[in-house]
Amino acid sequence: MAGVSASDIQAHLFHEGRLYESYRLFGAHQTEQDGRQGFRFCVWAPHAKEVRIAGTFNGWSGVLHQMEKRHQEGIWELFIPGIGEGELYKYEIVTAASETKLKADPYAFFSEVRPKTASITYQLAGYPWGDRKWQKKKKQKAVYEKPVSIYELHVGSWKKKADGRFFTYRELSETVIPYVKEHGFTHIELMPLTEHPFDRSWGYQTTGYYSPTSRYGEPHDLMYFIDQCHQHEIGVIMDWVPGHFCKDDHGLYLFDGMPLYEYTHEHDRENWEWGTANFDLGKREIHSFLISNALYWIEMYHIDGFRVDAVANLLYWPNRPQPEA
């Protein structure tokens, strides 16, 4: 998944809402430039005066790595040679009001374990998938042609260790899969595994849409769990929350100092019931972000389908009750 510099056609498609693999452009990608290995960073921040990258590789001093605004619509890029996997980083954004905000990468593939909030450089390629038979079977026969029985699973509370620690993705595969098979289920529905700050939200208030939560291990560990499910003839569905996101400072909310991923007007933006912000679903860049996200989970993690959360909020949000004055 080597990232490349944003071409004019990629920028055009992104702003048209048709860059359906935008995760291959945005975020942090290991690549080579001028014979040197490193990571290329790319972020959308159209309202920012400056964007810098702060991380463990520069003592969290963003002034050492200032990004270049490659397109007037606000796509910023920078290649940093010499850094590898496992580096912590954030975007240091100087807003139009000259305030400085530290933001996690909206397209990060991996994140710190909460309550820490930095993004982590990670190379997704390299997992040796063993579910070719399952993938072939899916193409040959539609799943709805026979009975489907779905087991809903919250990874963090299905089972815990004696000391209260979570089981990892790999450890759970040894217990969940036999249980599901024994009880005759055909599919597992994973409650949201996108990165989120609060355990009790169960993942329904997300900060990292491209980052499987690090509570239970690394991205390759989740790939292993899904791979094992497929090898045991179990499909995997994931809860997906494309309507709203949480408002934690390091996340998407007011990303570059102004509404960007969310609606501009308060009535449309604020989801008072849940304390979240609604995605601006009329903005074409958000179309690129969300459609790419669904395809990302299918392509990179072999997810078989989605259960879309809070559909009523997507359809009827203009009629939501407002808080009392």
C-alpha atoms as a PDB file:
ATOM      1  CA  MET A   1       0.000   0.000   0.000  1.00  0.00           C
ATOM      2  CA  ALA A   2       2.751   2.451  -0.858  1.00  0.00           C
ATOM      3  CA  GLY A   3       1.413   6.000  -0.820  1.00  0.00           C
ATOM      4  CA  VAL A   4       2.104   8.365  -3.680  1.00  0.00           C
ATOM      5  CA  SER A   5       2.045  12.117  -4.083  1.00  0.00           C
ATOM      6  CA  ALA A   6      -1.472  13.398  -4.686  1.00  0.00           C
ATOM      7  CA  SER A   7      -2.005  13.786  -8.417  1.00  0.00           C
ATOM      8  CA  ASP A   8      -4.439  16.286  -9.895  1.00  0.00           C
ATOM      9  CA  ILE A   9      -6.810  13.473 -10.875  1.00  0.00           C
ATOM     10  CA  GLN A  10      -6.757  11.995  -7.349  1.00  0.00           C
ATOM     11  CA  ALA A  11      -7.468  15.396  -5.841  1.00  0.00           C
ATOM     12  CA  HIS A  12     -10.289  15.915  -8.341  1.00  0.00           C
ATOM     13  CA  LEU A  13     -11.862  12.526  -7.553  1.00  0.00           C
ATOM     14  CA  PHE A  14     -11.567  13.123  -3.830  1.00  0.00           C
ATOM     15  CA  HIS A  15     -13.379  16.434  -4.030  1.00  0.00           C
ATOM     16  CA  GLU A  16     -15.968  14.890  -6.353  1.00  0.00           C
ATOM     17  CA  GLY A  17     -16.682  12.157  -3.792  1.00  0.00           C
ATOM     18  CA  ARG A  18     -15.359   9.422  -6.085  1.00  0.00           C
ATOM     19  CA  LEU A  19     -11.915   8.574  -4.702  1.00  0.00           C
ATOM     20  CA  TYR A  20     -13.081   5.214  -3.427  1.00  0.00           C
ATOM     21  CA  GLU A  21      -9.678   4.080  -2.203  1.00  0.00           C
ATOM     22  CA  SER A  22      -8.694   7.358  -0.573  1.00  0.00           C
ATOM     23  CA  TYR A  23      -6.917   5.405   2.180  1.00  0.00           C
ATOM     24  CA  ARG A  24      -4.214   4.605  -0.371  1.00  0.00           C
ATOM     25  CA  LEU A  25      -3.448   8.320  -0.682  1.00  0.00           C
ATOM     26  CA  PHE A  26      -4.216   9.854   2.705  1.00  0.00           C
ATOM     27  CA  GLY A  27      -2.622   8.833   5.972  1.00  0.00           C
ATOM     28  CA  ALA A  28       0.890   7.517   6.560  1.00  0.00           C
ATOM     29  CA  HIS A  29       2.391   5.151   3.975  1.00  0.00           C
ATOM     30  CA  GLN A  30       5.781   3.493   3.935  1.00  0.00           C
ATOM     31  CA  THR A  31       7.494   4.259   0.645  1.00  0.00           C
ATOM     32  CA  GLU A  32      10.792   5.239  -0.985  1.00  0.00           C
ATOM     33  CA  GLN A  33      11.847   8.595  -2.358  1.00  0.00           C
ATOM     34  CA  ASP A  34      15.203   9.481  -3.908  1.00  0.00           C
ATOM     35  CA  GLY A  35      16.562   6.122  -2.812  1.00  0.00           C
ATOM     36  CA  ARG A  36      15.607   6.582   0.842  1.00  0.00           C
ATOM     37  CA  GLN A  37      12.978   4.655   2.806  1.00  0.00           C
ATOM     38  CA  GLY A  38      10.520   6.500   4.973  1.00  0.00           C
ATOM     39  CA  PHE A  39       6.861   7.416   5.395  1.00  0.00           C
ATOM     40  CA  ARG A  40       4.766   9.769   3.296  1.00  0.00           C
ATOM     41  CA  PHE A  41       2.025  11.653   5.127  1.00  0.00           C
ATOM     42  CA  CYS A  42      -1.051  13.167   3.498  1.00  0.00           C
ATOM     43  CA  VAL A  43      -3.976  14.973   5.138  1.00  0.00           C
ATOM     44  CA  TRP A  44      -6.972  17.079   4.128  1.00  0.00           C
ATOM     45  CA  ALA A  45      -7.121  20.350   6.089  1.00  0.00           C
ATOM     46  CA  PRO A  46      -8.420  23.149   3.814  1.00  0.00           C
ATOM     47  CA  HIS A  47      -8.925  25.768   6.546  1.00  0.00           C
ATOM     48  CA  ALA A  48      -5.444  25.421   8.071  1.00  0.00           C
ATOM     49  CA  LYS A  49      -2.776  28.115   7.793  1.00  0.00           C
ATOM     50  CA  GLU A  50      -0.035  25.538   8.402  1.00  0.00           C
ATOM     51  CA  VAL A  51       0.136  21.803   8.957  1.00  0.00           C
ATOM     52  CA  ARG A  52       3.119  20.120  10.574  1.00  0.00           C
ATOM     53  CA  ILE A  53       3.910  16.602  11.745  1.00  0.00           C
ATOM     54  CA  ALA A  54       4.919  16.044  15.352  1.00  0.00           C
ATOM     55  CA  GLY A  55       6.028  12.696  16.665  1.00  0.00           C
ATOM     56  CA  THR A  56       8.541  10.562  18.483  1.00  0.00           C
ATOM     57  CA  PHE A  57      10.943  10.974  15.560  1.00  0.00           C
ATOM     58  CA  ASN A  58      11.297  14.735  16.092  1.00  0.00           C
ATOM     59  CA  GLY A  59      10.775  15.160  19.818  1.00  0.00           C
ATOM     60  CA  TRP A  60       7.176  16.239  19.150  1.00  0.00           C
ATOM     61  CA  SER A  61       8.426  19.446  17.579  1.00  0.00           C
ATOM     62  CA  GLY A  62       6.316  19.940  14.475  1.00  0.00           C
ATOM     63  CA  VAL A  63       8.356  22.904  13.238  1.00  0.00           C
ATOM     64  CA  LEU A  64      10.948  20.418  12.048  1.00  0.00           C
ATOM     65  CA  HIS A  65       8.513  18.795   9.624  1.00  0.00           C
ATOM     66  CA  GLN A  66       6.242  21.318   7.930  1.00  0.00           C
ATOM     67  CA  MET A  67       3.888  19.879   5.333  1.00  0.00           C
ATOM     68  CA  GLU A  68       3.457  21.318   1.848  1.00  0.00           C
ATOM     69  CA  LYS A  69       0.056  22.373   0.586  1.00  0.00           C
ATOM     70  CA  ARG A  70      -0.068  20.574  -2.739  1.00  0.00           C
ATOM     71  CA  HIS A  71      -3.561  21.575  -3.833  1.00  0.00           C
ATOM     72  CA  GLN A  72      -5.532  24.739  -3.153  1.00  0.00           C
ATOM     73  CA  GLU A  73      -8.436  22.681  -1.847  1.00  0.00           C
ATOM     74  CA  GLY A  74      -6.327  21.821   1.173  1.00  0.00           C
ATOM     75  CA  ILE A  75      -4.408  18.565   0.615  1.00  0.00           C
ATOM     76  CA  TRP A  76      -1.104  18.664   2.508  1.00  0.00           C
ATOM     77  CA  GLU A  77       1.823  16.248   2.070  1.00  0.00           C
ATOM     78  CA  LEU A  78       5.276  15.480   3.395  1.00  0.00           C
ATOM     79  CA  PHE A  79       7.753  12.628   2.987  1.00  0.00           C
ATOM     80  CA  ILE A  80       9.945  11.998   6.037  1.00  0.00           C
ATOM     81  CA  PRO A  81      12.943   9.768   5.319  1.00  0.00           C
ATOM     82  CA  GLY A  82      14.455   7.408   7.832  1.00  0.00           C
ATOM     83  CA  ILE A  83      11.405   6.643   9.959  1.00  0.00           C
ATOM     84  CA  GLY A  84       9.902   3.178  10.164  1.00  0.00           C
ATOM     85  CA  GLU A  85       6.970   1.355  11.689  1.00  0.00           C
ATOM     86  CA  GLY A  86       5.899   1.976  15.250  1.00  0.00           C
ATOM     87  CA  GLU A  87       6.508   5.723  15.345  1.00  0.00           C
ATOM     88  CA  LEU A  88       3.919   7.851  17.163  1.00  0.00           C
ATOM     89  CA  TYR A  89       2.667  10.952  15.366  1.00  0.00           C
ATOM     90  CA  LYS A  90      -0.034  13.608  15.129  1.00  0.00           C
ATOM     91  CA  TYR A  91      -0.815  16.457  12.785  1.00  0.00           C
ATOM     92  CA  GLU A  92       0.030  19.823  14.303  1.00  0.00           C
ATOM     93  CA  ILE A  93      -2.499  22.147  12.720  1.00  0.00           C
ATOM     94  CA  VAL A  94      -2.298  25.928  12.857  1.00  0.00           C
ATOM     95  CA  THR A  95      -5.839  27.216  12.403  1.00  0.00           C
ATOM     96  CA  ALA A  96      -7.059  30.364  10.697  1.00  0.00           C
ATOM     97  CA  ALA A  97      -7.294  31.886  14.206  1.00  0.00           C
ATOM     98  CA  SER A  98      -3.589  31.022  14.760  1.00  0.00           C
ATOM     99  CA  GLU A  99      -4.421  28.372  17.360  1.00  0.00           C
ATOM    100  CA  THR A 100      -2.418  25.137  17.328  1.00  0.00           C
ATOM    101  CA  LYS A 101      -4.246  21.814  17.513  1.00  0.00           C
ATOM    102  CA  LEU A 102      -2.770  18.305  17.740  1.00  0.00           C
ATOM    103  CA  LYS A 103      -4.924  15.865  15.799  1.00  0.00           C
ATOM    104  CA  ALA A 104      -4.756  12.122  15.243  1.00  0.00           C
ATOM    105  CA  ASP A 105      -4.623  11.009  11.619  1.00  0.00           C
ATOM    106  CA  PRO A 106      -8.167  10.455  10.213  1.00  0.00           C
ATOM    107  CA  TYR A 107      -6.700   7.699   8.000  1.00  0.00           C
ATOM    108  CA  ALA A 108      -4.340   6.149  10.576  1.00  0.00           C
ATOM    109  CA  PHE A 109      -4.071   2.362  10.342  1.00  0.00           C
ATOM    110  CA  PHE A 110      -3.093   1.940  14.004  1.00  0.00           C
ATOM    111  CA  SER A 111      -3.393   3.981  17.207  1.00  0.00           C
ATOM    112  CA  GLU A 112      -2.137   4.090  20.777  1.00  0.00           C
ATOM    113  CA  VAL A 113      -4.063   2.231  23.478  1.00  0.00           C
ATOM    114  CA  ARG A 114      -6.460   4.576  25.210  1.00  0.00           C
ATOM    115  CA  PRO A 115      -6.243   6.916  27.104  1.00  0.00           C
ATOM    116  CA  LYS A 116      -3.290   7.827  24.857  1.00  0.00           C
ATOM    117  CA  THR A 117      -4.341   9.171  21.474  1.00  0.00           C
ATOM    118  CA  ALA A 118      -1.436   9.326  19.009  1.00  0.00           C
ATOM    119  CA  SER A 119      -1.505   7.602  15.636  1.00  0.00           C
ATOM    120  CA  ILE A 120       1.147   4.961  14.873  1.00  0.00           C
ATOM    121  CA  THR A 121       2.953   4.296  11.593  1.00  0.00           C
ATOM    122  CA  TYR A 122       2.032   0.784  10.468  1.00  0.00           C
ATOM    123  CA  GLN A 123       2.409  -1.272   7.308  1.00  0.00           C
ATOM    124  CA  LEU A 124      -0.760  -3.293   6.671  1.00  0.00           C
ATOM    125  CA  ALA A 125       0.752  -5.446   3.930  1.00  0.00           C
ATOM    126  CA  GLY A 126       2.330  -8.747   4.773  1.00  0.00           C
ATOM    127  CA  TYR A 127      -0.340 -10.776   6.540  1.00  0.00           C
ATOM    128  CA  PRO A 128      -0.454 -14.304   5.002  1.00  0.00           C
ATOM    129  CA  TRP A 129      -4.177 -14.823   4.451  1.00  0.00           C
ATOM    130  CA  GLY A 130      -5.343 -18.437   4.388  1.00  0.00           C
ATOM    131  CA  ASP A 131      -9.033 -17.943   3.521  1.00  0.00           C
ATOM    132  CA  ARG A 132      -8.854 -18.428  -0.253  1.00  0.00           C
ATOM    133  CA  LYS A 133     -11.361 -21.282  -0.085  1.00  0.00           C
ATOM    134  CA  TRP A 134     -13.836 -19.088   1.795  1.00  0.00           C
ATOM    135  CA  GLN A 135     -13.461 -16.205  -0.656  1.00  0.00           C
ATOM    136  CA  LYS A 136     -14.000 -18.530  -3.618  1.00  0.00           C
ATOM    137  CA  LYS A 137     -17.087 -19.986  -1.974  1.00  0.00           C
ATOM    138  CA  LYS A 138     -18.568 -16.516  -1.442  1.00  0.00           C
ATOM    139  CA  LYS A 139     -18.275 -15.732  -5.151  1.00  0.00           C
ATOM    140  CA  GLN A 140     -19.927 -18.980  -6.183  1.00  0.00           C
ATOM    141  CA  LYS A 141     -23.030 -18.816  -3.998  1.00  0.00           C
ATOM    142  CA  ALA A 142     -24.912 -15.928  -2.390  1.00  0.00           C
ATOM    143  CA  VAL A 143     -25.046 -16.138   1.401  1.00  0.00           C
ATOM    144  CA  TYR A 144     -28.808 -15.480   1.518  1.00  0.00           C
ATOM    145  CA  GLU A 145     -29.564 -18.678  -0.407  1.00  0.00           C
ATOM    146  CA  LYS A 146     -29.434 -20.631   2.849  1.00  0.00           C
ATOM    147  CA  PRO A 147     -30.304 -19.906   6.505  1.00  0.00           C
ATOM    148  CA  VAL A 148     -28.115 -17.359   8.281  1.00  0.00           C
ATOM    149  CA  SER A 149     -27.672 -17.279  12.060  1.00  0.00           C
ATOM    150  CA  ILE A 150     -25.682 -14.350  13.457  1.00  0.00           C
ATOM    151  CA  TYR A 151     -23.917 -14.176  16.815  1.00  0.00           C
ATOM    152  CA  GLU A 152     -23.410 -10.581  17.998  1.00  0.00           C
ATOM    153  CA  LEU A 153     -20.095 -10.170  19.801  1.00  0.00           C
ATOM    154  CA  HIS A 154     -18.487  -7.382  21.791  1.00  0.00           C
ATOM    155  CA  VAL A 155     -14.824  -8.364  21.878  1.00  0.00           C
ATOM    156  CA  GLY A 156     -14.062  -6.454  25.074  1.00  0.00           C
ATOM    157  CA  SER A 157     -16.723  -7.992  27.286  1.00  0.00           C
ATOM    158  CA  TRP A 158     -17.398 -11.447  25.822  1.00  0.00           C
ATOM    159  CA  LYS A 159     -14.707 -12.834  28.053  1.00  0.00           C
ATOM    160  CA  LYS A 160     -11.977 -11.306  30.224  1.00  0.00           C
ATOM    161  CA  LYS A 161      -8.952 -12.670  32.007  1.00  0.00           C
ATOM    162  CA  ALA A 162      -8.973 -13.243  35.763  1.00  0.00           C
ATOM    163  CA  ASP A 163      -7.111  -9.978  36.350  1.00  0.00           C
ATOM    164  CA  GLY A 164      -9.610  -8.004  34.251  1.00  0.00           C
ATOM    165  CA  ARG A 165      -7.394  -7.666  31.176  1.00  0.00           C
ATOM    166  CA  PHE A 166      -8.870  -8.084  27.716  1.00  0.00           C
ATOM    167  CA  PHE A 167      -8.251 -11.166  25.623  1.00  0.00           C
ATOM    168  CA  THR A 168      -6.371 -10.349  22.441  1.00  0.00           C
ATOM    169  CA  TYR A 169      -7.771 -10.898  18.958  1.00  0.00           C
ATOM    170  CA  ARG A 170      -5.577 -13.977  18.625  1.00  0.00           C
ATOM    171  CA  GLU A 171      -6.526 -15.391  22.028  1.00  0.00           C
ATOM    172  CA  LEU A 172     -10.221 -14.905  21.369  1.00  0.00           C
ATOM    173  CA  SER A 173     -10.016 -16.949  18.192  1.00  0.00           C
ATOM    174  CA  GLU A 174      -9.281 -20.000  20.374  1.00  0.00           C
ATOM    175  CA  THR A 175     -12.464 -19.575  22.425  1.00  0.00           C
ATOM    176  CA  VAL A 176     -15.015 -17.677  20.322  1.00  0.00           C
ATOM    177  CA  ILE A 177     -14.767 -19.828  17.205  1.00  0.00           C
ATOM    178  CA  PRO A 178     -15.431 -23.190  18.932  1.00  0.00           C
ATOM    179  CA  TYR A 179     -18.319 -21.619  20.866  1.00  0.00           C
ATOM    180  CA  VAL A 180     -19.935 -20.181  17.740  1.00  0.00           C
ATOM    181  CA  LYS A 181     -19.493 -23.445  15.828  1.00  0.00           C
ATOM    182  CA  GLU A 182     -20.917 -25.497  18.696  1.00  0.00           C
ATOM    183  CA  HIS A 183     -24.074 -23.401  18.814  1.00  0.00           C
ATOM    184  CA  GLY A 184     -24.691 -23.500  15.071  1.00  0.00           C
ATOM    185  CA  PHE A 185     -24.076 -19.866  14.134  1.00  0.00           C
ATOM    186  CA  THR A 186     -23.011 -19.104  10.573  1.00  0.00           C
ATOM    187  CA  HIS A 187     -21.726 -15.561  11.178  1.00  0.00           C
ATOM    188  CA  ILE A 188     -20.227 -13.368  13.871  1.00  0.00           C
ATOM    189  CA  GLU A 189     -21.305  -9.730  14.038  1.00  0.00           C
ATOM    190  CA  LEU A 190     -18.477  -7.762  15.627  1.00  0.00           C
ATOM    191  CA  MET A 191     -19.623  -4.681  17.484  1.00  0.00           C
ATOM    192  CA  PRO A 192     -17.551  -1.694  16.283  1.00  0.00           C
ATOM    193  CA  LEU A 193     -13.804  -2.269  16.305  1.00  0.00           C
ATOM    194  CA  THR A 194     -12.825   1.157  15.011  1.00  0.00           C
ATOM    195  CA  GLU A 195     -10.651   3.072  17.469  1.00  0.00           C
ATOM    196  CA  HIS A 196     -12.608   4.815  20.219  1.00  0.00           C
ATOM    197  CA  PRO A 197     -11.653   6.539  23.472  1.00  0.00           C
ATOM    198  CA  PHE A 198     -14.322   5.265  25.893  1.00  0.00           C
ATOM    199  CA  ASP A 199     -14.743   1.563  26.726  1.00  0.00           C
ATOM    200  CA  ARG A 200     -18.395   1.900  27.688  1.00  0.00           C
ATOM    201  CA  SER A 201     -19.339   3.342  24.284  1.00  0.00           C
ATOM    202  CA  TRP A 202     -18.631  -0.163  22.912  1.00  0.00           C
ATOM    203  CA  GLY A 203     -17.083   1.462  19.860  1.00  0.00           C
ATOM    204  CA  TYR A 204     -20.142   3.370  18.707  1.00  0.00           C
ATOM    205  CA  GLN A 205     -18.400   6.732  19.206  1.00  0.00           C
ATOM    206  CA  THR A 206     -15.383   6.539  16.947  1.00  0.00           C
ATOM    207  CA  THR A 207     -12.199   8.568  16.543  1.00  0.00           C
ATOM    208  CA  GLY A 208     -10.280   6.319  14.123  1.00  0.00           C
ATOM    209  CA  TYR A 209     -12.354   4.924  11.267  1.00  0.00           C
ATOM    210  CA  TYR A 210      -9.416   3.172   9.592  1.00  0.00           C
ATOM    211  CA  SER A 211      -7.768   2.030  12.818  1.00  0.00           C
ATOM    212  CA  PRO A 212      -8.911  -1.212  14.495  1.00  0.00           C
ATOM    213  CA  THR A 213      -8.826  -0.592  18.211  1.00  0.00           C
ATOM    214  CA  SER A 214      -5.480  -1.393  19.790  1.00  0.00           C
ATOM    215  CA  ARG A 215      -7.172  -2.599  23.004  1.00  0.00           C
ATOM    216  CA  TYR A 216      -6.984  -6.149  21.686  1.00  0.00           C
ATOM    217  CA  GLY A 217      -3.820  -6.136  19.606  1.00  0.00           C
ATOM    218  CA  GLU A 218      -2.393  -4.970  16.302  1.00  0.00           C
ATOM    219  CA  PRO A 219      -4.097  -4.871  12.876  1.00  0.00           C
ATOM    220  CA  HIS A 220      -2.468  -8.137  11.802  1.00  0.00           C
ATOM    221  CA  ASP A 221      -3.890  -9.776  14.936  1.00  0.00           C
ATOM    222  CA  LEU A 222      -7.415  -8.793  13.871  1.00  0.00           C
ATOM    223  CA  MET A 223      -6.672 -10.128  10.385  1.00  0.00           C
ATOM    224  CA  TYR A 224      -5.682 -13.414  12.032  1.00  0.00           C
ATOM    225  CA  PHE A 225      -8.988 -13.600  13.936  1.00  0.00           C
ATOM    226  CA  ILE A 226     -11.051 -12.990  10.792  1.00  0.00           C
ATOM    227  CA  ASP A 227      -8.878 -15.399   8.806  1.00  0.00           C
ATOM    228  CA  GLN A 228      -9.444 -18.131  11.393  1.00  0.00           C
ATOM    229  CA  CYS A 229     -13.188 -17.508  11.329  1.00  0.00           C
ATOM    230  CA  HIS A 230     -13.218 -17.942   7.566  1.00  0.00           C
ATOM    231  CA  GLN A 231     -11.110 -21.071   7.696  1.00  0.00           C
ATOM    232  CA  HIS A 232     -13.723 -22.499  10.092  1.00  0.00           C
ATOM    233  CA  GLU A 233     -16.600 -21.545   7.747  1.00  0.00           C
ATOM    234  CA  ILE A 234     -17.769 -18.563   9.819  1.00  0.00           C
ATOM    235  CA  GLY A 235     -18.601 -15.258   8.144  1.00  0.00           C
ATOM    236  CA  VAL A 236     -17.689 -11.964   9.812  1.00  0.00           C
ATOM    237  CA  ILE A 237     -19.943  -8.901   9.814  1.00  0.00           C
ATOM    238  CA  MET A 238     -18.853  -5.621  11.379  1.00  0.00           C
ATOM    239  CA  ASP A 239     -20.955  -2.910  12.983  1.00  0.00           C
ATOM    240  CA  TRP A 240     -20.220   0.304  11.089  1.00  0.00           C
ATOM    241  CA  VAL A 241     -21.106   3.823  12.248  1.00  0.00           C
ATOM    242  CA  PRO A 242     -21.074   6.226   9.264  1.00  0.00           C
ATOM    243  CA  GLY A 243     -23.501   8.775  10.712  1.00  0.00           C
ATOM    244  CA  HIS A 244     -21.804  10.449  13.648  1.00  0.00           C
ATOM    245  CA  PHE A 245     -18.509  10.578  15.558  1.00  0.00           C
ATOM    246  CA  CYS A 246     -17.344  11.591  19.020  1.00  0.00           C
ATOM    247  CA  LYS A 247     -16.058  15.069  19.771  1.00  0.00           C
ATOM    248  CA  ASP A 248     -12.803  14.291  21.601  1.00  0.00           C
ATOM    249  CA  ASP A 249     -10.132  16.928  20.955  1.00  0.00           C
ATOM    250  CA  HIS A 250      -7.774  14.628  19.051  1.00  0.00           C
ATOM    251  CA  GLY A 251     -10.457  13.351  16.664  1.00  0.00           C
ATOM    252  CA  LEU A 252     -12.366  14.586  13.625  1.00  0.00           C
ATOM    253  CA  TYR A 253     -14.326  17.342  15.366  1.00  0.00           C
ATOM    254  CA  LEU A 254     -13.341  20.830  14.132  1.00  0.00           C
ATOM    255  CA  PHE A 255     -10.353  19.086  12.582  1.00  0.00           C
ATOM    256  CA  ASP A 256      -8.638  22.127  11.103  1.00  0.00           C
ATOM    257  CA  GLY A 257     -10.205  24.676  13.424  1.00  0.00           C
ATOM    258  CA  MET A 258     -13.515  24.836  11.578  1.00  0.00           C
ATOM    259  CA  PRO A 259     -16.287  22.343  10.756  1.00  0.00           C
ATOM    260  CA  LEU A 260     -14.861  19.944   8.191  1.00  0.00           C
ATOM    261  CA  TYR A 261     -16.149  16.402   8.644  1.00  0.00           C
ATOM    262  CA  GLU A 262     -19.270  17.709  10.382  1.00  0.00           C
ATOM    263  CA  TYR A 263     -22.027  20.117   9.342  1.00  0.00           C
ATOM    264  CA  THR A 264     -21.387  23.833   9.725  1.00  0.00           C
ATOM    265  CA  HIS A 265     -24.719  24.760  11.298  1.00  0.00           C
ATOM    266  CA  GLU A 266     -25.212  23.732  14.911  1.00  0.00           C
ATOM    267  CA  HIS A 267     -28.706  22.346  14.372  1.00  0.00           C
ATOM    268  CA  ASP A 268     -27.405  19.923  11.760  1.00  0.00           C
ATOM    269  CA  ARG A 269     -24.057  19.214  13.392  1.00  0.00           C
ATOM    270  CA  GLU A 270     -24.832  18.529  17.030  1.00  0.00           C
ATOM    271  CA  ASN A 271     -26.295  15.195  18.014  1.00  0.00           C
ATOM    272  CA  TRP A 272     -27.554  16.257  21.423  1.00  0.00           C
ATOM    273  CA  GLU A 273     -28.838  12.840  22.483  1.00  0.00           C
ATOM    274  CA  TRP A 274     -25.459  11.137  22.132  1.00  0.00           C
ATOM    275  CA  GLY A 275     -23.100  14.080  22.586  1.00  0.00           C
ATOM    276  CA  THR A 276     -21.610  13.473  19.141  1.00  0.00           C
ATOM    277  CA  ALA A 277     -21.309  15.325  15.834  1.00  0.00           C
ATOM    278  CA  ASN A 278     -23.066  14.283  12.634  1.00  0.00           C
ATOM    279  CA  PHE A 279     -21.037  13.733   9.480  1.00  0.00           C
ATOM    280  CA  ASP A 280     -21.822  16.283   6.779  1.00  0.00           C
ATOM    281  CA  LEU A 281     -23.278  13.747   4.385  1.00  0.00           C
ATOM    282  CA  GLY A 282     -23.841  16.404   1.736  1.00  0.00           C
ATOM    283  CA  LYS A 283     -20.104  17.048   1.406  1.00  0.00           C
ATOM    284  CA  ARG A 284     -18.464  15.079  -1.387  1.00  0.00           C
ATOM    285  CA  GLU A 285     -15.145  14.667   0.431  1.00  0.00           C
ATOM    286  CA  ILE A 286     -17.081  12.880   3.169  1.00  0.00           C
ATOM    287  CA  HIS A 287     -18.480  10.558   0.511  1.00  0.00           C
ATOM    288  CA  SER A 288     -14.892   9.670  -0.442  1.00  0.00           C
ATOM    289  CA  PHE A 289     -13.960   9.183   3.209  1.00  0.00           C
ATOM    290  CA  LEU A 290     -16.876   6.935   4.150  1.00  0.00           C
ATOM    291  CA  ILE A 291     -17.219   4.881   0.960  1.00  0.00           C
ATOM    292  CA  SER A 292     -13.472   4.276   1.036  1.00  0.00           C
ATOM    293  CA  ASN A 293     -13.780   3.210   4.658  1.00  0.00           C
ATOM    294  CA  ALA A 294     -16.337   0.521   3.890  1.00  0.00           C
ATOM    295  CA  LEU A 295     -14.244  -0.772   0.982  1.00  0.00           C
ATOM    296  CA  TYR A 296     -11.116  -0.645   3.161  1.00  0.00           C
ATOM    297  CA  TRP A 297     -12.569  -3.068   5.703  1.00  0.00           C
ATOM    298  CA  ILE A 298     -13.670  -5.411   2.937  1.00  0.00           C
ATOM    299  CA  GLU A 299     -10.373  -5.330   1.039  1.00  0.00           C
ATOM    300  CA  MET A 300      -7.810  -5.141   3.829  1.00  0.00           C
ATOM    301  CA  TYR A 301      -9.615  -7.157   6.543  1.00  0.00           C
ATOM    302  CA  HIS A 302     -11.835  -9.420   4.425  1.00  0.00           C
ATOM    303  CA  ILE A 303     -14.994  -8.315   6.275  1.00  0.00           C
ATOM    304  CA  ASP A 304     -18.006 -10.057   4.709  1.00  0.00           C
ATOM    305  CA  GLY A 305     -20.615  -7.390   5.372  1.00  0.00           C
ATOM    306  CA  PHE A 306     -21.815  -4.556   7.580  1.00  0.00           C
ATOM    307  CA  ARG A 307     -24.560  -3.837  10.015  1.00  0.00           C
ATOM    308  CA  VAL A 308     -25.024  -0.059   9.681  1.00  0.00           C
ATOM    309  CA  ASP A 309     -25.672   1.597  13.025  1.00  0.00           C
ATOM    310  CA  ALA A 310     -28.148   4.417  13.758  1.00  0.00           C
ATOM    311  CA  VAL A 311     -29.813   4.374  10.336  1.00  0.00           C
ATOM    312  CA  ALA A 312     -32.768   6.345  11.724  1.00  0.00           C
ATOM    313  CA  ASN A 313     -30.372   9.162  12.621  1.00  0.00           C
ATOM    314  CA  LEU A 314     -29.086   9.175   9.042  1.00  0.00           C
ATOM    315  CA  LEU A 315     -32.598   9.391   7.616  1.00  0.00           C
ATOM    316  CA  TYR A 316     -34.414  11.618  10.067  1.00  0.00           C
ATOM    317  CA  TRP A 317     -31.758  13.821  11.675  1.00  0.00           C
ATOM    318  CA  PRO A 318     -33.488  17.150  10.715  1.00  0.00           C
ATOM    319  CA  ASN A 319     -36.371  16.186  13.028  1.00  0.00           C
ATOM    320  CA  ARG A 320     -34.267  15.291  16.056  1.00  0.00           C
ATOM    321  CA  PRO A 321     -35.385  16.881  19.344  1.00  0.00           C
ATOM    322  CA  GLN A 322     -33.266  19.840  20.419  1.00  0.00           C
ATOM    323  CA  PRO A 323     -32.036  20.499  23.986  1.00  0.00           C
ATOM    324  CA  GLU A 324     -34.197  22.650  26.199  1.00  0.00           C
ATOM    325  CA  ALA A 325     -33.110  26.261  26.515  1.00  0.00           C
END
